[in-house]
Every structure is written in C-alpha cells, then in structure tokens.
Amino acid sequence: MLVDEIWRTTKDEDSDIDWYVKRTVLGGIYSTTEIYMLTPRVYFLNLLKTLLVSRRQSGEAVRAGMGSSLQGFVGKVLER
C-alpha cells in the first residue's frame, strides 16, 4: 500500500505492465532501505546491552571490594 501511495503522489497513471514493474522495484528499494536502517539500531542495542552488563559487573566488583574492606576495618576495630 505504501509503494502504491508513493507512485500515486507522483501522479503516475500507468495501467500497463510498467505499473507492476515500478511498484516491484520501488518495493525492493524500500525494503532494502528499511533493513539497512534497522541494522545500525540492532548493533546499537547490542552495544548498549554489553555496556550495561559491563557496568553492572564493575559495580558488583566494587561493592564486593568495599564490603570486604569494610569487614576487615570493622574486624580490626573490634579486635582492639
């Protein structure tokens, strides 16, 4: 429907075999463009996911390190 609407906007009034050829070619171009535009977005989402997982793992490592440091500090204070 979109391809047909595009051709109608250009005032294309052909009713022979060219009507089908033009719409088929434009549909192929449109589909290819959509796939191309989706590819960078999928790549970006995968990159974002990797970044978030990495930050979460870093945060867990920092919390674990702080927890053990705090435990060691409290243990030494209590020993005195």
PDB file of N, CA and C in Angstrom:
ATOM      1  N   MET A   1       0.820  -1.192   0.000  1.00  0.00           N
ATOM      2  CA  MET A   1       0.000   0.000   0.000  1.00  0.00           C
ATOM      3  C   MET A   1       0.869   1.264   0.000  1.00  0.00           C
ATOM      4  N   LEU A   2       1.969   1.228   0.749  1.00  0.00           N
ATOM      5  CA  LEU A   2       2.842   2.394   0.805  1.00  0.00           C
ATOM      6  C   LEU A   2       3.460   2.698  -0.557  1.00  0.00           C
ATOM      7  N   VAL A   3       3.949   1.660  -1.232  1.00  0.00           N
ATOM      8  CA  VAL A   3       4.564   1.845  -2.546  1.00  0.00           C
ATOM      9  C   VAL A   3       3.536   2.389  -3.534  1.00  0.00           C
ATOM     10  N   ASP A   4       2.333   1.866  -3.491  1.00  0.00           N
ATOM     11  CA  ASP A   4       1.277   2.354  -4.374  1.00  0.00           C
ATOM     12  C   ASP A   4       0.965   3.817  -4.086  1.00  0.00           C
ATOM     13  N   GLU A   5       0.939   4.175  -2.814  1.00  0.00           N
ATOM     14  CA  GLU A   5       0.683   5.567  -2.435  1.00  0.00           C
ATOM     15  C   GLU A   5       1.799   6.496  -2.918  1.00  0.00           C
ATOM     16  N   ILE A   6       3.039   6.040  -2.837  1.00  0.00           N
ATOM     17  CA  ILE A   6       4.166   6.844  -3.324  1.00  0.00           C
ATOM     18  C   ILE A   6       4.005   7.111  -4.818  1.00  0.00           C
ATOM     19  N   TRP A   7       3.694   6.066  -5.583  1.00  0.00           N
ATOM     20  CA  TRP A   7       3.535   6.276  -7.030  1.00  0.00           C
ATOM     21  C   TRP A   7       2.347   7.155  -7.347  1.00  0.00           C
ATOM     22  N   ARG A   8       1.278   7.036  -6.559  1.00  0.00           N
ATOM     23  CA  ARG A   8       0.113   7.898  -6.795  1.00  0.00           C
ATOM     24  C   ARG A   8       0.450   9.358  -6.542  1.00  0.00           C
ATOM     25  N   THR A   9       1.306   9.619  -5.558  1.00  0.00           N
ATOM     26  CA  THR A   9       1.682  11.002  -5.263  1.00  0.00           C
ATOM     27  C   THR A   9       2.476  11.628  -6.402  1.00  0.00           C
ATOM     28  N   THR A  10       3.168  10.794  -7.159  1.00  0.00           N
ATOM     29  CA  THR A  10       3.924  11.319  -8.309  1.00  0.00           C
ATOM     30  C   THR A  10       3.042  11.449  -9.542  1.00  0.00           C
ATOM     31  N   LYS A  11       1.756  11.222  -9.360  1.00  0.00           N
ATOM     32  CA  LYS A  11       0.778  11.326 -10.459  1.00  0.00           C
ATOM     33  C   LYS A  11       1.023  10.283 -11.544  1.00  0.00           C
ATOM     34  N   ASP A  12       1.486   9.125 -11.148  1.00  0.00           N
ATOM     35  CA  ASP A  12       1.709   8.034 -12.100  1.00  0.00           C
ATOM     36  C   ASP A  12       0.369   7.385 -12.424  1.00  0.00           C
ATOM     37  N   GLU A  13       0.000   7.415 -13.656  1.00  0.00           N
ATOM     38  CA  GLU A  13      -1.295   6.888 -14.078  1.00  0.00           C
ATOM     39  C   GLU A  13      -1.159   5.674 -15.004  1.00  0.00           C
ATOM     40  N   ASP A  14       0.025   5.071 -15.059  1.00  0.00           N
ATOM     41  CA  ASP A  14       0.213   3.911 -15.934  1.00  0.00           C
ATOM     42  C   ASP A  14      -0.705   2.774 -15.525  1.00  0.00           C
ATOM     43  N   SER A  15      -1.178   2.029 -16.523  1.00  0.00           N
ATOM     44  CA  SER A  15      -2.039   0.890 -16.221  1.00  0.00           C
ATOM     45  C   SER A  15      -1.578  -0.360 -16.970  1.00  0.00           C
ATOM     46  N   ASP A  16      -0.383  -0.334 -17.514  1.00  0.00           N
ATOM     47  CA  ASP A  16       0.136  -1.495 -18.225  1.00  0.00           C
ATOM     48  C   ASP A  16       1.111  -2.270 -17.331  1.00  0.00           C
ATOM     49  N   ILE A  17       1.976  -3.058 -17.932  1.00  0.00           N
ATOM     50  CA  ILE A  17       2.912  -3.884 -17.176  1.00  0.00           C
ATOM     51  C   ILE A  17       3.892  -3.023 -16.371  1.00  0.00           C
ATOM     52  N   ASP A  18       4.158  -1.788 -16.836  1.00  0.00           N
ATOM     53  CA  ASP A  18       5.047  -0.888 -16.092  1.00  0.00           C
ATOM     54  C   ASP A  18       4.520  -0.597 -14.689  1.00  0.00           C
ATOM     55  N   TRP A  19       3.218  -0.611 -14.531  1.00  0.00           N
ATOM     56  CA  TRP A  19       2.611  -0.367 -13.226  1.00  0.00           C
ATOM     57  C   TRP A  19       3.163  -1.362 -12.215  1.00  0.00           C
ATOM     58  N   TYR A  20       3.201  -2.638 -12.578  1.00  0.00           N
ATOM     59  CA  TYR A  20       3.698  -3.688 -11.687  1.00  0.00           C
ATOM     60  C   TYR A  20       5.208  -3.602 -11.513  1.00  0.00           C
ATOM     61  N   VAL A  21       5.920  -3.334 -12.598  1.00  0.00           N
ATOM     62  CA  VAL A  21       7.381  -3.261 -12.538  1.00  0.00           C
ATOM     63  C   VAL A  21       7.822  -2.124 -11.627  1.00  0.00           C
ATOM     64  N   LYS A  22       7.230  -0.954 -11.806  1.00  0.00           N
ATOM     65  CA  LYS A  22       7.600   0.200 -10.984  1.00  0.00           C
ATOM     66  C   LYS A  22       7.345  -0.069  -9.506  1.00  0.00           C
ATOM     67  N   ARG A  23       6.229  -0.640  -9.201  1.00  0.00           N
ATOM     68  CA  ARG A  23       5.902  -0.904  -7.800  1.00  0.00           C
ATOM     69  C   ARG A  23       6.785  -1.990  -7.209  1.00  0.00           C
ATOM     70  N   THR A  24       7.136  -2.989  -8.010  1.00  0.00           N
ATOM     71  CA  THR A  24       8.027  -4.048  -7.533  1.00  0.00           C
ATOM     72  C   THR A  24       9.419  -3.498  -7.247  1.00  0.00           C
ATOM     73  N   VAL A  25       9.942  -2.689  -8.153  1.00  0.00           N
ATOM     74  CA  VAL A  25      11.277  -2.107  -7.964  1.00  0.00           C
ATOM     75  C   VAL A  25      11.290  -1.187  -6.743  1.00  0.00           C
ATOM     76  N   LEU A  26      10.300  -0.314  -6.637  1.00  0.00           N
ATOM     77  CA  LEU A  26      10.244   0.596  -5.501  1.00  0.00           C
ATOM     78  C   LEU A  26      10.075  -0.169  -4.186  1.00  0.00           C
ATOM     79  N   GLY A  27       9.293  -1.233  -4.210  1.00  0.00           N
ATOM     80  CA  GLY A  27       9.137  -2.062  -3.008  1.00  0.00           C
ATOM     81  C   GLY A  27      10.454  -2.691  -2.584  1.00  0.00           C
ATOM     82  N   GLY A  28      11.248  -3.154  -3.552  1.00  0.00           N
ATOM     83  CA  GLY A  28      12.565  -3.725  -3.247  1.00  0.00           C
ATOM     84  C   GLY A  28      13.505  -2.692  -2.657  1.00  0.00           C
ATOM     85  N   ILE A  29      13.494  -1.507  -3.234  1.00  0.00           N
ATOM     86  CA  ILE A  29      14.346  -0.433  -2.720  1.00  0.00           C
ATOM     87  C   ILE A  29      13.918  -0.048  -1.299  1.00  0.00           C
ATOM     88  N   TYR A  30      12.626   0.060  -1.094  1.00  0.00           N
ATOM     89  CA  TYR A  30      12.126   0.430   0.232  1.00  0.00           C
ATOM     90  C   TYR A  30      12.481  -0.627   1.270  1.00  0.00           C
ATOM     91  N   SER A  31      12.291  -1.901   0.925  1.00  0.00           N
ATOM     92  CA  SER A  31      12.608  -2.987   1.864  1.00  0.00           C
ATOM     93  C   SER A  31      14.089  -3.011   2.214  1.00  0.00           C
ATOM     94  N   THR A  32      14.932  -2.827   1.209  1.00  0.00           N
ATOM     95  CA  THR A  32      16.370  -2.805   1.439  1.00  0.00           C
ATOM     96  C   THR A  32      16.757  -1.655   2.358  1.00  0.00           C
ATOM     97  N   THR A  33      16.143  -0.501   2.145  1.00  0.00           N
ATOM     98  CA  THR A  33      16.426   0.653   2.987  1.00  0.00           C
ATOM     99  C   THR A  33      15.995   0.408   4.420  1.00  0.00           C
ATOM    100  N   GLU A  34      14.832  -0.190   4.611  1.00  0.00           N
ATOM    101  CA  GLU A  34      14.359  -0.493   5.963  1.00  0.00           C
ATOM    102  C   GLU A  34      15.319  -1.436   6.681  1.00  0.00           C
ATOM    103  N   ILE A  35      15.766  -2.475   5.994  1.00  0.00           N
ATOM    104  CA  ILE A  35      16.702  -3.430   6.598  1.00  0.00           C
ATOM    105  C   ILE A  35      18.009  -2.730   6.959  1.00  0.00           C
ATOM    106  N   TYR A  36      18.497  -1.878   6.065  1.00  0.00           N
ATOM    107  CA  TYR A  36      19.736  -1.143   6.336  1.00  0.00           C
ATOM    108  C   TYR A  36      19.578  -0.246   7.571  1.00  0.00           C
ATOM    109  N   MET A  37      18.436   0.419   7.685  1.00  0.00           N
ATOM    110  CA  MET A  37      18.217   1.322   8.817  1.00  0.00           C
ATOM    111  C   MET A  37      18.051   0.556  10.128  1.00  0.00           C
ATOM    112  N   LEU A  38      17.511  -0.649  10.069  1.00  0.00           N
ATOM    113  CA  LEU A  38      17.354  -1.444  11.282  1.00  0.00           C
ATOM    114  C   LEU A  38      18.682  -2.023  11.770  1.00  0.00           C
ATOM    115  N   THR A  39      19.582  -2.316  10.838  1.00  0.00           N
ATOM    116  CA  THR A  39      20.854  -2.930  11.205  1.00  0.00           C
ATOM    117  C   THR A  39      21.653  -2.071  12.186  1.00  0.00           C
ATOM    118  N   PRO A  40      21.850  -0.750  11.941  1.00  0.00           N
ATOM    119  CA  PRO A  40      22.590   0.045  12.943  1.00  0.00           C
ATOM    120  C   PRO A  40      21.879   0.116  14.287  1.00  0.00           C
ATOM    121  N   ARG A  41      20.556   0.108  14.261  1.00  0.00           N
ATOM    122  CA  ARG A  41      19.828   0.164  15.533  1.00  0.00           C
ATOM    123  C   ARG A  41      20.018  -1.110  16.334  1.00  0.00           C
ATOM    124  N   VAL A  42      19.992  -2.249  15.668  1.00  0.00           N
ATOM    125  CA  VAL A  42      20.219  -3.520  16.363  1.00  0.00           C
ATOM    126  C   VAL A  42      21.644  -3.558  16.902  1.00  0.00           C
ATOM    127  N   TYR A  43      22.614  -3.085  16.103  1.00  0.00           N
ATOM    128  CA  TYR A  43      24.001  -3.020  16.552  1.00  0.00           C
ATOM    129  C   TYR A  43      24.116  -2.124  17.787  1.00  0.00           C
ATOM    130  N   PHE A  44      23.455  -0.966  17.757  1.00  0.00           N
ATOM    131  CA  PHE A  44      23.495  -0.049  18.886  1.00  0.00           C
ATOM    132  C   PHE A  44      22.890  -0.685  20.138  1.00  0.00           C
ATOM    133  N   LEU A  45      21.782  -1.392  19.991  1.00  0.00           N
ATOM    134  CA  LEU A  45      21.156  -2.032  21.147  1.00  0.00           C
ATOM    135  C   LEU A  45      22.054  -3.114  21.737  1.00  0.00           C
ATOM    136  N   ASN A  46      22.733  -3.890  20.879  1.00  0.00           N
ATOM    137  CA  ASN A  46      23.672  -4.890  21.380  1.00  0.00           C
ATOM    138  C   ASN A  46      24.838  -4.235  22.111  1.00  0.00           C
ATOM    139  N   LEU A  47      25.324  -3.123  21.576  1.00  0.00           N
ATOM    140  CA  LEU A  47      26.407  -2.386  22.221  1.00  0.00           C
ATOM    141  C   LEU A  47      25.955  -1.843  23.572  1.00  0.00           C
ATOM    142  N   LEU A  48      24.750  -1.310  23.627  1.00  0.00           N
ATOM    143  CA  LEU A  48      24.198  -0.791  24.877  1.00  0.00           C
ATOM    144  C   LEU A  48      24.043  -1.908  25.907  1.00  0.00           C
ATOM    145  N   LYS A  49      23.573  -3.060  25.470  1.00  0.00           N
ATOM    146  CA  LYS A  49      23.425  -4.202  26.373  1.00  0.00           C
ATOM    147  C   LYS A  49      24.781  -4.611  26.940  1.00  0.00           C
ATOM    148  N   THR A  50      25.800  -4.674  26.078  1.00  0.00           N
ATOM    149  CA  THR A  50      27.141  -5.037  26.522  1.00  0.00           C
ATOM    150  C   THR A  50      27.655  -4.027  27.543  1.00  0.00           C
ATOM    151  N   LEU A  51      27.426  -2.748  27.282  1.00  0.00           N
ATOM    152  CA  LEU A  51      27.864  -1.696  28.196  1.00  0.00           C
ATOM    153  C   LEU A  51      27.175  -1.822  29.549  1.00  0.00           C
ATOM    154  N   LEU A  52      25.873  -2.063  29.541  1.00  0.00           N
ATOM    155  CA  LEU A  52      25.134  -2.181  30.797  1.00  0.00           C
ATOM    156  C   LEU A  52      25.578  -3.398  31.596  1.00  0.00           C
ATOM    157  N   VAL A  53      25.816  -4.511  30.930  1.00  0.00           N
ATOM    158  CA  VAL A  53      26.286  -5.717  31.627  1.00  0.00           C
ATOM    159  C   VAL A  53      27.663  -5.456  32.229  1.00  0.00           C
ATOM    160  N   SER A  54      28.522  -4.788  31.465  1.00  0.00           N
ATOM    161  CA  SER A  54      29.870  -4.475  31.943  1.00  0.00           C
ATOM    162  C   SER A  54      29.816  -3.555  33.166  1.00  0.00           C
ATOM    163  N   ARG A  55      28.958  -2.552  33.114  1.00  0.00           N
ATOM    164  CA  ARG A  55      28.831  -1.631  34.261  1.00  0.00           C
ATOM    165  C   ARG A  55      28.280  -2.348  35.481  1.00  0.00           C
ATOM    166  N   ARG A  56      27.340  -3.254  35.267  1.00  0.00           N
ATOM    167  CA  ARG A  56      26.781  -3.985  36.400  1.00  0.00           C
ATOM    168  C   ARG A  56      27.846  -4.864  37.039  1.00  0.00           C
ATOM    169  N   GLN A  57      28.650  -5.530  36.207  1.00  0.00           N
ATOM    170  CA  GLN A  57      29.716  -6.377  36.741  1.00  0.00           C
ATOM    171  C   GLN A  57      30.759  -5.537  37.470  1.00  0.00           C
ATOM    172  N   SER A  58      31.075  -4.362  36.940  1.00  0.00           N
ATOM    173  CA  SER A  58      32.034  -3.475  37.612  1.00  0.00           C
ATOM    174  C   SER A  58      31.477  -3.018  38.955  1.00  0.00           C
ATOM    175  N   GLY A  59      30.195  -2.675  38.961  1.00  0.00           N
ATOM    176  CA  GLY A  59      29.563  -2.245  40.209  1.00  0.00           C
ATOM    177  C   GLY A  59      29.563  -3.345  41.255  1.00  0.00           C
ATOM    178  N   GLU A  60      29.312  -4.571  40.832  1.00  0.00           N
ATOM    179  CA  GLU A  60      29.328  -5.701  41.763  1.00  0.00           C
ATOM    180  C   GLU A  60      30.729  -5.916  42.310  1.00  0.00           C
ATOM    181  N   ALA A  61      31.745  -5.760  41.460  1.00  0.00           N
ATOM    182  CA  ALA A  61      33.125  -5.935  41.911  1.00  0.00           C
ATOM    183  C   ALA A  61      33.500  -4.848  42.916  1.00  0.00           C
ATOM    184  N   VAL A  62      33.085  -3.627  42.663  1.00  0.00           N
ATOM    185  CA  VAL A  62      33.379  -2.530  43.590  1.00  0.00           C
ATOM    186  C   VAL A  62      32.673  -2.759  44.916  1.00  0.00           C
ATOM    187  N   ARG A  63      31.400  -3.156  44.854  1.00  0.00           N
ATOM    188  CA  ARG A  63      30.660  -3.421  46.098  1.00  0.00           C
ATOM    189  C   ARG A  63      31.295  -4.562  46.878  1.00  0.00           C
ATOM    190  N   ALA A  64      31.727  -5.602  46.187  1.00  0.00           N
ATOM    191  CA  ALA A  64      32.361  -6.732  46.869  1.00  0.00           C
ATOM    192  C   ALA A  64      33.668  -6.282  47.513  1.00  0.00           C
ATOM    193  N   GLY A  65      34.441  -5.478  46.777  1.00  0.00           N
ATOM    194  CA  GLY A  65      35.700  -4.980  47.332  1.00  0.00           C
ATOM    195  C   GLY A  65      35.473  -4.075  48.529  1.00  0.00           C
ATOM    196  N   MET A  66      34.474  -3.198  48.435  1.00  0.00           N
ATOM    197  CA  MET A  66      34.176  -2.298  49.547  1.00  0.00           C
ATOM    198  C   MET A  66      33.664  -3.082  50.742  1.00  0.00           C
ATOM    199  N   GLY A  67      32.860  -4.107  50.453  1.00  0.00           N
ATOM    200  CA  GLY A  67      32.324  -4.923  51.546  1.00  0.00           C
ATOM    201  C   GLY A  67      33.432  -5.632  52.296  1.00  0.00           C
ATOM    202  N   SER A  68      34.372  -6.226  51.580  1.00  0.00           N
ATOM    203  CA  SER A  68      35.449  -6.947  52.266  1.00  0.00           C
ATOM    204  C   SER A  68      36.372  -5.969  52.985  1.00  0.00           C
ATOM    205  N   SER A  69      36.595  -4.779  52.402  1.00  0.00           N
ATOM    206  CA  SER A  69      37.422  -3.763  53.071  1.00  0.00           C
ATOM    207  C   SER A  69      36.744  -3.299  54.352  1.00  0.00           C
ATOM    208  N   LEU A  70      35.450  -3.071  54.274  1.00  0.00           N
ATOM    209  CA  LEU A  70      34.703  -2.628  55.450  1.00  0.00           C
ATOM    210  C   LEU A  70      34.704  -3.703  56.521  1.00  0.00           C
ATOM    211  N   GLN A  71      34.526  -4.940  56.109  1.00  0.00           N
ATOM    212  CA  GLN A  71      34.553  -6.037  57.074  1.00  0.00           C
ATOM    213  C   GLN A  71      35.922  -6.119  57.751  1.00  0.00           C
ATOM    214  N   GLY A  72      36.984  -5.973  56.955  1.00  0.00           N
ATOM    215  CA  GLY A  72      38.329  -6.006  57.532  1.00  0.00           C
ATOM    216  C   GLY A  72      38.544  -4.857  58.498  1.00  0.00           C
ATOM    217  N   PHE A  73      38.088  -3.662  58.152  1.00  0.00           N
ATOM    218  CA  PHE A  73      38.236  -2.488  59.015  1.00  0.00           C
ATOM    219  C   PHE A  73      37.471  -2.687  60.307  1.00  0.00           C
ATOM    220  N   VAL A  74      36.211  -3.110  60.198  1.00  0.00           N
ATOM    221  CA  VAL A  74      35.389  -3.315  61.395  1.00  0.00           C
ATOM    222  C   VAL A  74      35.994  -4.421  62.253  1.00  0.00           C
ATOM    223  N   GLY A  75      36.489  -5.473  61.619  1.00  0.00           N
ATOM    224  CA  GLY A  75      37.121  -6.557  62.372  1.00  0.00           C
ATOM    225  C   GLY A  75      38.335  -6.078  63.142  1.00  0.00           C
ATOM    226  N   LYS A  76      39.155  -5.219  62.555  1.00  0.00           N
ATOM    227  CA  LYS A  76      40.337  -4.695  63.245  1.00  0.00           C
ATOM    228  C   LYS A  76      39.946  -3.751  64.373  1.00  0.00           C
ATOM    229  N   VAL A  77      38.891  -2.951  64.150  1.00  0.00           N
ATOM    230  CA  VAL A  77      38.435  -2.031  65.194  1.00  0.00           C
ATOM    231  C   VAL A  77      37.904  -2.820  66.366  1.00  0.00           C
ATOM    232  N   LEU A  78      37.176  -3.889  66.109  1.00  0.00           N
ATOM    233  CA  LEU A  78      36.605  -4.687  67.178  1.00  0.00           C
ATOM    234  C   LEU A  78      37.661  -5.496  67.922  1.00  0.00           C
ATOM    235  N   GLU A  79      38.776  -5.807  67.270  1.00  0.00           N
ATOM    236  CA  GLU A  79      39.842  -6.553  67.936  1.00  0.00           C
ATOM    237  C   GLU A  79      40.530  -5.705  68.991  1.00  0.00           C
ATOM    238  N   ARG A  80      40.523  -4.413  68.833  1.00  0.00           N
ATOM    239  CA  ARG A  80      41.221  -3.530  69.764  1.00  0.00           C
ATOM    240  C   ARG A  80      40.495  -3.437  71.032  1.00  0.00           C
TER     241      ARG A  80
END
